C-alpha atoms as a PDB file:
ATOM      1  CA  MET A   1      86.317 143.396  69.256  1.00  0.00           C
ATOM      2  CA  ASN A   2      87.470 143.160  65.635  1.00  0.00           C
ATOM      3  CA  ARG A   3      85.326 143.825  62.524  1.00  0.00           C
ATOM      4  CA  MET A   4      84.555 140.143  61.918  1.00  0.00           C
ATOM      5  CA  GLN A   5      83.397 139.616  65.502  1.00  0.00           C
ATOM      6  CA  ARG A   6      81.293 142.789  65.363  1.00  0.00           C
ATOM      7  CA  ALA A   7      79.685 141.689  62.065  1.00  0.00           C
ATOM      8  CA  ALA A   8      78.914 138.242  63.498  1.00  0.00           C
ATOM      9  CA  LEU A   9      77.345 139.820  66.584  1.00  0.00           C
ATOM     10  CA  ILE A  10      75.188 142.146  64.465  1.00  0.00           C
ATOM     11  CA  LEU A  11      74.050 139.223  62.297  1.00  0.00           C
ATOM     12  CA  ALA A  12      73.245 137.072  65.338  1.00  0.00           C
ATOM     13  CA  SER A  13      71.328 139.945  66.952  1.00  0.00           C
ATOM     14  CA  SER A  14      69.258 140.523  63.826  1.00  0.00           C
ATOM     15  CA  LEU A  15      68.441 136.822  63.587  1.00  0.00           C
ATOM     16  CA  LEU A  16      67.340 136.736  67.225  1.00  0.00           C
ATOM     17  CA  ALA A  17      65.084 139.734  66.693  1.00  0.00           C
ATOM     18  CA  SER A  18      63.404 137.924  63.804  1.00  0.00           C
ATOM     19  CA  PRO A  19      60.767 135.268  64.465  1.00  0.00           C
ATOM     20  CA  VAL A  20      61.781 131.633  63.905  1.00  0.00           C
ATOM     21  CA  PHE A  21      59.418 129.436  61.840  1.00  0.00           C
ATOM     22  CA  ALA A  22      58.571 125.720  61.459  1.00  0.00           C
ATOM     23  CA  ALA A  23      55.463 124.183  59.907  1.00  0.00           C
ATOM     24  CA  GLY A  24      53.204 127.145  60.646  1.00  0.00           C
ATOM     25  CA  ILE A  25      54.708 127.824  64.086  1.00  0.00           C
ATOM     26  CA  THR A  26      56.570 131.029  64.870  1.00  0.00           C
ATOM     27  CA  ILE A  27      58.554 131.629  68.051  1.00  0.00           C
ATOM     28  CA  GLN A  28      58.712 135.290  68.968  1.00  0.00           C
ATOM     29  CA  LYS A  29      60.716 137.135  71.638  1.00  0.00           C
ATOM     30  CA  PRO A  30      62.578 134.160  73.145  1.00  0.00           C
ATOM     31  CA  TRP A  31      64.704 134.822  76.230  1.00  0.00           C
ATOM     32  CA  VAL A  32      66.069 133.141  79.340  1.00  0.00           C
ATOM     33  CA  ARG A  33      65.968 134.598  82.865  1.00  0.00           C
ATOM     34  CA  TRP A  34      69.299 133.761  84.504  1.00  0.00           C
ATOM     35  CA  LEU A  35      69.629 133.016  88.205  1.00  0.00           C
ATOM     36  CA  PRO A  36      72.977 132.883  90.037  1.00  0.00           C
ATOM     37  CA  ALA A  37      74.788 129.932  91.603  1.00  0.00           C
ATOM     38  CA  GLY A  38      73.616 127.345  89.070  1.00  0.00           C
ATOM     39  CA  LEU A  39      69.962 127.746  90.083  1.00  0.00           C
ATOM     40  CA  PRO A  40      67.394 126.752  87.441  1.00  0.00           C
ATOM     41  CA  ALA A  41      66.800 129.373  84.775  1.00  0.00           C
ATOM     42  CA  ALA A  42      63.422 130.131  83.204  1.00  0.00           C
ATOM     43  CA  GLY A  43      62.734 130.379  79.479  1.00  0.00           C
ATOM     44  CA  TYR A  44      60.076 132.562  77.926  1.00  0.00           C
ATOM     45  CA  ALA A  45      58.727 133.187  74.411  1.00  0.00           C
ATOM     46  CA  THR A  46      55.495 133.506  72.457  1.00  0.00           C
ATOM     47  CA  LEU A  47      54.438 130.583  70.266  1.00  0.00           C
ATOM     48  CA  VAL A  48      52.268 131.592  67.309  1.00  0.00           C
ATOM     49  CA  ASN A  49      50.391 129.061  65.167  1.00  0.00           C
ATOM     50  CA  GLY A  50      49.758 130.485  61.700  1.00  0.00           C
ATOM     51  CA  GLY A  51      48.338 127.187  60.462  1.00  0.00           C
ATOM     52  CA  ASP A  52      44.833 125.753  60.238  1.00  0.00           C
ATOM     53  CA  THR A  53      45.378 122.860  62.661  1.00  0.00           C
ATOM     54  CA  PRO A  54      46.124 122.829  66.370  1.00  0.00           C
ATOM     55  CA  VAL A  55      49.647 121.981  67.456  1.00  0.00           C
ATOM     56  CA  SER A  56      51.277 121.603  70.860  1.00  0.00           C
ATOM     57  CA  LEU A  57      54.727 122.162  72.241  1.00  0.00           C
ATOM     58  CA  VAL A  58      55.588 118.681  73.526  1.00  0.00           C
ATOM     59  CA  GLY A  59      59.294 118.830  74.308  1.00  0.00           C
ATOM     60  CA  VAL A  60      62.264 121.093  74.776  1.00  0.00           C
ATOM     61  CA  SER A  61      65.960 120.306  75.046  1.00  0.00           C
ATOM     62  CA  SER A  62      69.249 122.178  75.199  1.00  0.00           C
ATOM     63  CA  PRO A  63      72.885 121.157  74.843  1.00  0.00           C
ATOM     64  CA  ASP A  64      73.633 123.890  77.420  1.00  0.00           C
ATOM     65  CA  TYR A  65      71.469 122.318  80.156  1.00  0.00           C
ATOM     66  CA  GLY A  66      71.184 118.756  81.434  1.00  0.00           C
ATOM     67  CA  MET A  67      67.411 118.984  81.735  1.00  0.00           C
ATOM     68  CA  VAL A  68      64.679 121.233  80.326  1.00  0.00           C
ATOM     69  CA  MET A  69      61.068 120.848  81.437  1.00  0.00           C
ATOM     70  CA  ILE A  70      57.826 122.581  80.541  1.00  0.00           C
ATOM     71  CA  HIS A  71      56.194 124.044  83.653  1.00  0.00           C
ATOM     72  CA  ARG A  72      53.178 126.113  84.549  1.00  0.00           C
ATOM     73  CA  SER A  73      52.836 128.387  87.562  1.00  0.00           C
ATOM     74  CA  LEU A  74      49.504 128.027  89.352  1.00  0.00           C
ATOM     75  CA  ASP A  75      47.981 130.014  92.185  1.00  0.00           C
ATOM     76  CA  ARG A  76      46.202 127.682  94.579  1.00  0.00           C
ATOM     77  CA  GLY A  77      44.617 129.484  97.499  1.00  0.00           C
ATOM     78  CA  GLY A  78      47.227 132.218  97.554  1.00  0.00           C
ATOM     79  CA  MET A  79      50.131 129.758  97.234  1.00  0.00           C
ATOM     80  CA  GLU A  80      51.954 129.826  93.921  1.00  0.00           C
ATOM     81  CA  ARG A  81      53.445 126.544  92.824  1.00  0.00           C
ATOM     82  CA  MET A  82      54.919 125.147  89.650  1.00  0.00           C
ATOM     83  CA  VAL A  83      53.716 121.958  88.030  1.00  0.00           C
ATOM     84  CA  MET A  84      55.287 120.093  85.152  1.00  0.00           C
ATOM     85  CA  VAL A  85      53.063 119.811  82.060  1.00  0.00           C
ATOM     86  CA  SER A  86      53.439 117.461  79.109  1.00  0.00           C
ATOM     87  CA  ALA A  87      52.324 119.945  76.442  1.00  0.00           C
ATOM     88  CA  ILE A  88      51.301 123.513  75.716  1.00  0.00           C
ATOM     89  CA  PRO A  89      48.497 123.740  73.143  1.00  0.00           C
ATOM     90  CA  VAL A  90      48.667 126.392  70.437  1.00  0.00           C
ATOM     91  CA  PRO A  91      45.300 126.744  68.651  1.00  0.00           C
ATOM     92  CA  PRO A  92      45.010 127.365  64.903  1.00  0.00           C
ATOM     93  CA  HIS A  93      45.720 131.030  64.146  1.00  0.00           C
ATOM     94  CA  GLY A  94      46.352 131.506  67.864  1.00  0.00           C
ATOM     95  CA  ARG A  95      49.193 131.906  70.299  1.00  0.00           C
ATOM     96  CA  ALA A  96      50.493 130.578  73.584  1.00  0.00           C
ATOM     97  CA  ALA A  97      52.602 132.702  75.889  1.00  0.00           C
ATOM     98  CA  LEU A  98      55.494 131.360  77.900  1.00  0.00           C
ATOM     99  CA  ALA A  99      55.692 134.186  80.427  1.00  0.00           C
ATOM    100  CA  PRO A 100      56.404 134.830  84.099  1.00  0.00           C
ATOM    101  CA  GLY A 101      53.492 133.583  86.203  1.00  0.00           C
ATOM    102  CA  GLY A 102      52.255 131.115  83.556  1.00  0.00           C
ATOM    103  CA  TYR A 103      53.741 128.537  81.221  1.00  0.00           C
ATOM    104  CA  HIS A 104      57.539 128.619  81.078  1.00  0.00           C
ATOM    105  CA  LEU A 105      60.601 126.475  80.522  1.00  0.00           C
ATOM    106  CA  MET A 106      62.708 125.312  83.468  1.00  0.00           C
ATOM    107  CA  LEU A 107      66.341 124.981  82.387  1.00  0.00           C
ATOM    108  CA  MET A 108      68.221 122.927  84.985  1.00  0.00           C
ATOM    109  CA  GLN A 109      71.705 121.525  85.482  1.00  0.00           C
ATOM    110  CA  PRO A 110      73.774 123.971  83.411  1.00  0.00           C
ATOM    111  CA  ARG A 111      76.590 122.161  81.617  1.00  0.00           C
ATOM    112  CA  HIS A 112      78.877 125.207  81.740  1.00  0.00           C
ATOM    113  CA  ALA A 113      78.928 128.676  83.263  1.00  0.00           C
ATOM    114  CA  ILE A 114      76.022 130.706  81.904  1.00  0.00           C
ATOM    115  CA  ARG A 115      75.541 134.405  82.556  1.00  0.00           C
ATOM    116  CA  PRO A 116      73.597 137.388  81.206  1.00  0.00           C
ATOM    117  CA  GLY A 117      74.708 138.487  77.763  1.00  0.00           C
ATOM    118  CA  MET A 118      75.251 134.913  76.574  1.00  0.00           C
ATOM    119  CA  GLN A 119      72.917 132.831  74.430  1.00  0.00           C
ATOM    120  CA  VAL A 120      71.751 129.277  75.034  1.00  0.00           C
ATOM    121  CA  SER A 121      70.766 126.850  72.298  1.00  0.00           C
ATOM    122  CA  VAL A 122      67.274 125.406  72.634  1.00  0.00           C
ATOM    123  CA  ARG A 123      65.280 122.925  70.531  1.00  0.00           C
ATOM    124  CA  PHE A 124      61.478 123.181  70.613  1.00  0.00           C
ATOM    125  CA  GLU A 125      59.600 119.988  69.595  1.00  0.00           C
ATOM    126  CA  PHE A 126      55.994 120.086  68.412  1.00  0.00           C
ATOM    127  CA  SER A 127      53.198 117.505  68.203  1.00  0.00           C
ATOM    128  CA  ASP A 128      53.265 117.582  64.390  1.00  0.00           C
ATOM    129  CA  GLY A 129      56.887 116.352  64.421  1.00  0.00           C
ATOM    130  CA  SER A 130      58.416 119.715  63.568  1.00  0.00           C
ATOM    131  CA  THR A 131      61.289 121.215  65.539  1.00  0.00           C
ATOM    132  CA  ILE A 132      62.743 124.687  65.883  1.00  0.00           C
ATOM    133  CA  ASP A 133      66.335 125.267  66.971  1.00  0.00           C
ATOM    134  CA  LEU A 134      67.221 128.731  68.169  1.00  0.00           C
ATOM    135  CA  ALA A 135      69.542 130.715  70.391  1.00  0.00           C
ATOM    136  CA  MET A 136      67.828 132.362  73.346  1.00  0.00           C
ATOM    137  CA  PRO A 137      69.496 135.446  74.827  1.00  0.00           C
ATOM    138  CA  VAL A 138      70.212 135.248  78.560  1.00  0.00           C
ATOM    139  CA  ARG A 139      69.048 138.219  80.620  1.00  0.00           C
ATOM    140  CA  PRO A 140      69.645 139.056  84.289  1.00  0.00           C
ATOM    141  CA  ALA A 141      67.312 137.920  87.075  1.00  0.00           C
ATOM    142  CA  ASN A 142      65.548 141.299  87.240  1.00  0.00           C
ATOM    143  CA  ALA A 143      64.737 141.380  83.500  1.00  0.00           C
ATOM    144  CA  SER A 144      61.189 141.452  82.133  1.00  0.00           C
ATOM    145  CA  ASP A 145      59.730 141.104  78.675  1.00  0.00           C
END
């Protein structure tokens, strides 16, 4: 790796470690859990609303995946299942966690080979019309927050 590549990697890493902002919303600790063989990946992060009005995450897209959906894991009588949801509310001065066992992103139909150590581009769309574009680091299947 040459000096320019190393500098670009350090800059990208520092930007990923920093929260990303849009209209009072901050996205903290974004990451993607990779699964082998083109299986759907899961995306996690913490959404923080620093504003005085409620806002909801209403859409997510990625040029790296053919489809991204917002899901929630539910335990129904000892059976865990995932259901698609249309929005994740983030209350004023509150937060919403996208975490294993709860709300999360399902990233399906990868458009190219994706593996741990890479980053995927993701656009978060909010009910107030704001969007946040960021790169989410890809971690192995056994990773945790």
